Amino acid sequence: MDLQKIMAKARDIAKSTGTITTEQLNGLCPNNMGPDDIATLFTALRAEGIRLKDDDAEE
């Protein structure tokens, strides 16, 4: 997993609203991510102040 590349793209997506949808995040991540990689990614998102939003949540 290249966390820096994923986070750079996540920052671009979230720069206007501070959120990224689960669908958008899934699109950035490789299919072979393990539980530790996912935990690291979520920690990095929180550290950046990026919130994860359900795809069907209202704006």
Protein backbone atom coordinates (compact mmCIF):
# COMPACT_ATOMS: atom_id res chain seq x y z
CA MET A 1 0.00 0.00 0.00
CA ASP A 2 1.32 3.42 -0.88
CA LEU A 3 -0.27 5.46 1.90
CA GLN A 4 1.22 8.74 0.69
CA LYS A 5 -0.37 8.42 -2.76
CA ILE A 6 -3.75 7.42 -1.32
CA MET A 7 -3.66 10.30 1.18
CA ALA A 8 -2.70 12.83 -1.51
CA LYS A 9 -5.70 11.80 -3.60
CA ALA A 10 -7.96 11.73 -0.52
CA ARG A 11 -6.84 15.29 0.36
CA ASP A 12 -7.71 16.46 -3.16
CA ILE A 13 -11.17 14.91 -2.93
CA ALA A 14 -11.84 16.23 0.57
CA LYS A 15 -10.34 19.71 0.20
CA SER A 16 -13.67 21.49 -0.31
CA THR A 17 -15.92 19.56 2.08
CA GLY A 18 -13.52 17.85 4.49
CA THR A 19 -15.18 14.51 3.71
CA ILE A 20 -14.64 11.56 1.43
CA THR A 21 -17.24 8.91 0.71
CA THR A 22 -16.63 5.24 1.30
CA GLU A 23 -17.04 4.66 -2.44
CA GLN A 24 -14.38 7.27 -3.27
CA LEU A 25 -12.01 5.84 -0.68
CA ASN A 26 -12.54 2.29 -1.93
CA GLY A 27 -11.66 3.51 -5.42
CA LEU A 28 -8.31 4.79 -4.17
CA CYS A 29 -7.33 1.64 -2.31
CA PRO A 30 -5.83 -1.53 -3.76
CA ASN A 31 -7.87 -4.72 -3.37
CA ASN A 32 -5.15 -6.46 -1.37
CA MET A 33 -5.22 -4.15 1.67
CA GLY A 34 -5.03 -5.98 4.97
CA PRO A 35 -6.61 -4.98 8.30
CA ASP A 36 -3.42 -3.27 9.49
CA ASP A 37 -3.23 -1.21 6.28
CA ILE A 38 -6.87 -0.15 6.66
CA ALA A 39 -6.31 0.85 10.29
CA THR A 40 -3.26 2.89 9.28
CA LEU A 41 -5.25 4.61 6.53
CA PHE A 42 -8.11 5.51 8.88
CA THR A 43 -5.62 6.88 11.41
CA ALA A 44 -4.03 9.03 8.70
CA LEU A 45 -7.43 10.30 7.55
CA ARG A 46 -8.34 11.31 11.11
CA ALA A 47 -4.96 13.01 11.58
CA GLU A 48 -5.64 15.09 8.44
CA GLY A 49 -9.15 15.97 9.64
CA ILE A 50 -10.76 14.08 6.75
CA ARG A 51 -14.10 12.52 7.69
CA LEU A 52 -15.46 9.40 6.08
CA LYS A 53 -19.04 9.75 4.87
CA ASP A 54 -21.50 7.01 3.92
CA ASP A 55 -22.31 7.06 0.22
CA ASP A 56 -26.04 7.37 0.88
CA ALA A 57 -25.77 10.05 3.60
CA GLU A 58 -27.39 13.36 2.78
CA GLU A 59 -25.16 16.36 2.24
